[in-house]
Amino acid sequence: MKDMAEPGRLLLCATPIGNLEDMTPRVIAAMREADVIAAEDTRNTIKLLNHFDIHTPMVSYHEYNKFERADELVGRMLRGETVAVVTDAGTPAISDPGEVLAAKCIEAGIRVSSLPGACALITALTMSGMSARRFAFEGFLPNDKSEKKERTRILNQLADEERTMILYEAPHRLRTTLRDLEEHLGDRKVTLCRELTKRYEEAVPTTLRGALELYEEKEPRGEYVLVLEGKSREEREEESRREWEQMSVKDHVALYEEKGMTRKEAMKAAAQDRGISRREIYDQLLEEN
């Protein structure tokens, strides 16, 4: 019996987000050596291939065929072919259907390699001046009318996020997103990044309210990356204190006692919640009794 071919592999190839000089030699070589290139938009990718003298055949792989085409590509890799995946710009699988193909490959036992390069969210984060130690990437918010409840749910979650947040947005939806963010999060600091790595690259540090005022008269142009300040620990603690203050000290202490704490432990926990001393808790318990 003839041995079956060893499985090929999937190469997630990062492409420039604007400046062609950000294309790495490793990615160029991989795209030349692959059996096929799966491209988000073959009309855009052909320009890249022509520039770097790459002649590998292409197939389309985008949001509307990501499941059917992924199955087809997995079949080709199981027969020994190597597939290179590219998005229109940046790293595949980041807000991109490449994540579906990567998941299917792993499930099928096919090796997945990611060839690093340009990534808009990291580029924007590092040039924003905001904390990069901990951050949350949200990508594009749901925007269809049918996804209104999901959009609201996510915005409510972001309102309590302490990490720096990064979102993507198209120019024609920018004003709406800025208004929604201010409504749910308040007037946070934000850096609006656009035309990243290009000649007219721009990073505007402002606030959500300031950004809305800016784009009342100025037309948004280009794809945007929003780097948004998280909720400060002081703000969260102040909100918690206000919530606890709506509860009586007696009920507050009883809440912790119901969780198994001793009276002394419960008084200490309640005091920390309210930002007061345990003695003050004791005095207020005497007054309430």
Protein backbone atom coordinates (compact mmCIF):
# COMPACT_ATOMS: atom_id res chain seq x y z
CA MET A 1 0.00 0.00 0.00
CA LYS A 2 1.31 3.43 -0.94
CA ASP A 3 2.16 5.65 2.01
CA MET A 4 -0.06 8.69 2.42
CA ALA A 5 1.66 12.07 1.97
CA GLU A 6 2.71 13.84 5.12
CA PRO A 7 0.47 16.81 5.91
CA GLY A 8 1.61 20.18 4.67
CA ARG A 9 1.34 23.25 6.88
CA LEU A 10 -0.34 26.60 7.28
CA LEU A 11 1.68 29.81 7.19
CA LEU A 12 0.05 32.94 8.61
CA CYS A 13 1.96 35.66 6.77
CA ALA A 14 1.92 39.24 8.08
CA THR A 15 1.81 41.85 5.32
CA PRO A 16 2.43 45.62 5.49
CA ILE A 17 -0.28 47.87 6.95
CA GLY A 18 0.84 50.73 4.73
CA ASN A 19 4.59 50.90 4.20
CA LEU A 20 5.81 48.17 1.84
CA GLU A 21 9.25 48.25 3.47
CA ASP A 22 7.70 46.47 6.45
CA MET A 23 7.37 43.26 4.41
CA THR A 24 9.92 40.80 5.85
CA PRO A 25 12.27 38.68 3.72
CA ARG A 26 10.98 35.61 5.53
CA VAL A 27 7.38 36.30 4.49
CA ILE A 28 8.43 36.98 0.88
CA ALA A 29 10.28 33.65 0.74
CA ALA A 30 7.39 31.77 2.33
CA MET A 31 4.85 33.19 -0.11
CA ARG A 32 7.10 32.26 -3.04
CA GLU A 33 7.58 28.70 -1.81
CA ALA A 34 3.95 27.99 -0.81
CA ASP A 35 1.73 25.91 -3.07
CA VAL A 36 -1.10 28.43 -2.82
CA ILE A 37 -1.81 31.82 -1.23
CA ALA A 38 -5.19 32.28 0.43
CA ALA A 39 -5.92 36.02 0.21
CA GLU A 40 -8.66 38.13 1.79
CA ASP A 41 -8.96 40.15 -1.41
CA THR A 42 -7.03 38.85 -4.42
CA ARG A 43 -7.32 42.26 -6.11
CA ASN A 44 -5.33 43.87 -3.32
CA THR A 45 -2.89 41.01 -2.86
CA ILE A 46 -1.96 40.84 -6.54
CA LYS A 47 -0.43 44.31 -6.20
CA LEU A 48 1.74 43.03 -3.35
CA LEU A 49 2.75 39.92 -5.30
CA ASN A 50 3.68 41.97 -8.35
CA HIS A 51 5.77 44.36 -6.26
CA PHE A 52 7.80 41.51 -4.73
CA ASP A 53 7.88 39.33 -7.85
CA ILE A 54 5.85 36.50 -6.29
CA HIS A 55 4.09 34.19 -8.76
CA THR A 56 2.36 31.71 -6.43
CA PRO A 57 -1.28 31.01 -7.41
CA MET A 58 -4.01 32.55 -5.24
CA VAL A 59 -7.48 31.65 -4.01
CA SER A 60 -9.87 33.98 -2.21
CA TYR A 61 -10.41 33.45 1.51
CA HIS A 62 -12.62 36.00 3.20
CA GLU A 63 -15.43 36.53 5.71
CA TYR A 64 -18.13 35.17 3.41
CA ASN A 65 -16.46 31.90 2.40
CA LYS A 66 -14.25 31.28 5.45
CA PHE A 67 -15.86 27.98 6.47
CA GLU A 68 -16.26 26.31 3.08
CA ARG A 69 -12.89 27.48 1.77
CA ALA A 70 -11.19 26.51 5.04
CA ASP A 71 -12.38 22.92 4.61
CA GLU A 72 -11.05 22.93 1.06
CA LEU A 73 -7.66 24.29 2.15
CA VAL A 74 -7.39 21.82 5.03
CA GLY A 75 -7.97 19.04 2.49
CA ARG A 76 -5.11 20.36 0.35
CA MET A 77 -2.79 20.55 3.35
CA LEU A 78 -3.69 17.00 4.38
CA ARG A 79 -2.49 15.98 0.91
CA GLY A 80 0.87 17.63 1.60
CA GLU A 81 0.48 21.20 0.30
CA THR A 82 1.66 24.35 2.07
CA VAL A 83 -0.85 27.20 2.29
CA ALA A 84 0.15 30.81 2.97
CA VAL A 85 -2.63 33.02 4.31
CA VAL A 86 -2.57 36.81 3.97
CA THR A 87 -4.99 39.52 4.97
CA ASP A 88 -5.36 42.86 3.18
CA ALA A 89 -3.00 44.38 5.74
CA GLY A 90 -1.40 43.18 8.94
CA THR A 91 -1.34 39.84 10.69
CA PRO A 92 -3.88 37.15 9.70
CA ALA A 93 -6.30 35.90 12.38
CA ILE A 94 -6.41 39.32 14.11
CA SER A 95 -9.99 40.53 13.41
CA ASP A 96 -9.70 38.33 10.33
CA PRO A 97 -11.14 34.99 9.07
CA GLY A 98 -7.66 33.46 9.28
CA GLU A 99 -8.50 32.40 12.83
CA VAL A 100 -11.10 29.93 11.48
CA LEU A 101 -8.56 28.25 9.22
CA ALA A 102 -5.92 28.13 11.97
CA ALA A 103 -8.40 26.45 14.34
CA LYS A 104 -9.40 23.88 11.73
CA CYS A 105 -5.76 23.08 10.98
CA ILE A 106 -4.94 22.49 14.63
CA GLU A 107 -8.01 20.26 14.94
CA ALA A 108 -6.81 18.27 11.91
CA GLY A 109 -3.27 17.91 13.25
CA ILE A 110 -1.75 20.28 10.69
CA ARG A 111 1.20 22.42 11.75
CA VAL A 112 0.45 26.14 11.97
CA SER A 113 3.24 28.73 11.83
CA SER A 114 2.85 32.49 12.24
CA LEU A 115 5.39 34.64 10.40
CA PRO A 116 5.45 37.92 12.35
CA GLY A 117 5.39 41.39 10.91
CA ALA A 118 3.16 44.45 10.93
CA CYS A 119 0.17 44.54 13.29
CA ALA A 120 -1.94 47.70 13.60
CA LEU A 121 -3.00 47.17 17.21
CA ILE A 122 0.59 46.83 18.50
CA THR A 123 1.79 49.73 16.35
CA ALA A 124 -0.95 52.01 17.70
CA LEU A 125 -0.56 50.88 21.31
CA THR A 126 3.17 51.49 21.42
CA MET A 127 2.93 54.97 19.91
CA SER A 128 -0.05 56.07 22.04
CA GLY A 129 1.92 56.70 25.22
CA MET A 130 -0.66 54.77 27.25
CA SER A 131 0.11 51.85 29.53
CA ALA A 132 1.14 48.82 27.47
CA ARG A 133 1.81 46.45 30.39
CA ARG A 134 -1.76 45.15 30.33
CA PHE A 135 -4.17 45.74 27.47
CA ALA A 136 -7.39 44.37 26.00
CA PHE A 137 -8.01 44.13 22.26
CA GLU A 138 -11.67 44.45 21.24
CA GLY A 139 -11.29 44.83 17.47
CA PHE A 140 -14.42 46.04 15.69
CA LEU A 141 -17.55 46.52 17.79
CA PRO A 142 -20.69 44.79 16.46
CA ASN A 143 -22.43 47.30 14.19
CA ASP A 144 -25.37 45.58 12.48
CA LYS A 145 -28.86 46.47 13.73
CA SER A 146 -29.35 42.82 14.65
CA GLU A 147 -26.28 43.05 16.91
CA LYS A 148 -27.38 46.14 18.83
CA LYS A 149 -27.87 44.23 22.11
CA GLU A 150 -24.46 42.60 21.77
CA ARG A 151 -22.85 45.99 21.09
CA THR A 152 -24.46 47.42 24.24
CA ARG A 153 -23.36 44.40 26.29
CA ILE A 154 -19.75 44.82 25.16
CA LEU A 155 -19.78 48.58 25.82
CA ASN A 156 -21.06 47.93 29.35
CA GLN A 157 -18.21 45.47 29.90
CA LEU A 158 -15.65 47.95 28.57
CA ALA A 159 -16.92 50.55 31.02
CA ASP A 160 -15.39 48.50 33.88
CA GLU A 161 -12.21 47.47 32.04
CA GLU A 162 -9.07 48.59 33.89
CA ARG A 163 -6.63 47.68 31.11
CA THR A 164 -5.81 49.89 28.14
CA MET A 165 -8.32 49.07 25.38
CA ILE A 166 -7.71 48.92 21.63
CA LEU A 167 -10.49 49.08 19.05
CA TYR A 168 -10.61 49.24 15.26
CA GLU A 169 -13.10 51.43 13.42
CA ALA A 170 -13.97 52.42 9.87
CA PRO A 171 -14.16 56.16 9.08
CA HIS A 172 -17.91 56.19 8.32
CA ARG A 173 -18.70 54.69 11.75
CA LEU A 174 -16.16 56.64 13.81
CA ARG A 175 -18.49 59.36 15.11
CA THR A 176 -21.13 56.83 16.19
CA THR A 177 -18.55 54.73 18.03
CA LEU A 178 -17.05 57.75 19.79
CA ARG A 179 -20.54 58.82 20.94
CA ASP A 180 -21.33 55.32 22.21
CA LEU A 181 -18.01 55.08 24.04
CA GLU A 182 -18.51 58.43 25.77
CA GLU A 183 -22.06 57.49 26.75
CA HIS A 184 -21.01 54.22 28.38
CA LEU A 185 -17.47 55.00 29.60
CA GLY A 186 -17.53 58.72 30.28
CA ASP A 187 -14.90 61.15 29.03
CA ARG A 188 -11.83 58.89 28.93
CA LYS A 189 -8.44 59.65 27.42
CA VAL A 190 -8.08 58.25 23.89
CA THR A 191 -5.46 58.31 21.16
CA LEU A 192 -6.83 58.17 17.62
CA CYS A 193 -4.36 56.58 15.20
CA ARG A 194 -4.77 56.54 11.42
CA GLU A 195 -2.68 56.01 8.27
CA LEU A 196 -0.25 53.94 10.33
CA THR A 197 3.24 53.56 8.79
CA LYS A 198 2.19 55.74 5.83
CA ARG A 199 3.41 59.20 4.83
CA TYR A 200 0.58 61.02 6.64
CA GLU A 201 0.58 58.84 9.75
CA GLU A 202 -1.27 60.52 12.59
CA ALA A 203 -1.73 59.85 16.30
CA VAL A 204 -3.98 62.34 18.10
CA PRO A 205 -4.00 62.15 21.93
CA THR A 206 -7.25 63.62 23.23
CA THR A 207 -10.39 62.60 25.11
CA LEU A 208 -13.59 61.03 23.82
CA ARG A 209 -15.35 64.39 24.10
CA GLY A 210 -12.44 66.15 22.45
CA ALA A 211 -12.46 63.63 19.61
CA LEU A 212 -16.17 64.20 19.04
CA GLU A 213 -15.59 67.95 18.89
CA LEU A 214 -12.69 67.41 16.48
CA TYR A 215 -14.81 65.38 14.07
CA GLU A 216 -17.84 67.66 14.20
CA GLU A 217 -16.08 69.79 11.60
CA LYS A 218 -13.44 67.39 10.28
CA GLU A 219 -14.37 64.41 8.10
CA PRO A 220 -12.88 61.11 9.33
CA ARG A 221 -10.57 59.57 6.74
CA GLY A 222 -8.74 56.25 6.70
CA GLU A 223 -9.00 53.25 8.99
CA TYR A 224 -8.75 54.10 12.70
CA VAL A 225 -7.21 52.41 15.71
CA LEU A 226 -8.51 53.77 19.01
CA VAL A 227 -6.30 53.33 22.07
CA LEU A 228 -8.50 54.00 25.07
CA GLU A 229 -7.67 54.58 28.73
CA GLY A 230 -8.94 51.93 31.15
CA LYS A 231 -10.85 52.70 34.32
CA SER A 232 -8.45 53.75 37.07
CA ARG A 233 -8.24 51.76 40.28
CA GLU A 234 -9.13 54.89 42.23
CA GLU A 235 -12.27 55.36 40.15
CA ARG A 236 -13.30 51.73 40.66
CA GLU A 237 -12.71 51.95 44.42
CA GLU A 238 -14.74 55.16 44.63
CA GLU A 239 -17.62 53.53 42.77
CA SER A 240 -17.47 50.55 45.12
CA ARG A 241 -17.53 52.83 48.15
CA ARG A 242 -20.61 54.62 46.81
CA GLU A 243 -22.34 51.29 46.26
CA TRP A 244 -21.56 50.09 49.78
CA GLU A 245 -22.70 53.37 51.30
CA GLN A 246 -26.20 52.68 49.98
CA MET A 247 -26.28 49.62 52.29
CA SER A 248 -26.50 49.93 56.06
CA VAL A 249 -23.40 48.98 58.04
CA LYS A 250 -25.39 46.27 59.79
CA ASP A 251 -26.41 44.66 56.48
CA HIS A 252 -22.90 45.09 55.13
CA VAL A 253 -21.32 43.22 58.02
CA ALA A 254 -24.07 40.58 57.93
CA LEU A 255 -23.32 39.98 54.24
CA TYR A 256 -19.78 38.88 55.09
CA GLU A 257 -20.91 36.87 58.11
CA GLU A 258 -23.25 34.92 55.83
CA LYS A 259 -20.16 33.99 53.78
CA GLY A 260 -18.60 32.38 56.85
CA MET A 261 -16.53 35.23 58.28
CA THR A 262 -16.36 35.91 62.00
CA ARG A 263 -17.82 39.17 63.27
CA LYS A 264 -14.31 40.62 63.59
CA GLU A 265 -13.37 39.59 60.04
CA ALA A 266 -16.64 40.89 58.64
CA MET A 267 -16.17 44.27 60.33
CA LYS A 268 -12.66 44.54 58.91
CA ALA A 269 -13.85 43.66 55.38
CA ALA A 270 -16.72 46.17 55.56
CA ALA A 271 -14.33 48.87 56.79
CA GLN A 272 -12.02 48.24 53.80
CA ASP A 273 -14.96 48.42 51.39
CA ARG A 274 -16.08 51.75 52.79
CA GLY A 275 -12.63 53.25 53.24
CA ILE A 276 -13.12 53.81 56.99
CA SER A 277 -11.68 52.34 60.18
CA ARG A 278 -13.00 49.23 61.93
CA ARG A 279 -13.69 51.43 64.96
CA GLU A 280 -16.08 53.53 62.87
CA ILE A 281 -17.83 50.34 61.76
CA TYR A 282 -18.17 49.29 65.41
CA ASP A 283 -19.59 52.69 66.42
CA GLN A 284 -22.11 52.68 63.57
CA LEU A 285 -23.23 49.14 64.49
CA LEU A 286 -23.92 50.36 68.02
CA GLU A 287 -25.94 53.30 66.64
CA GLU A 288 -27.96 51.09 64.29
CA ASN A 289 -28.75 48.68 67.11
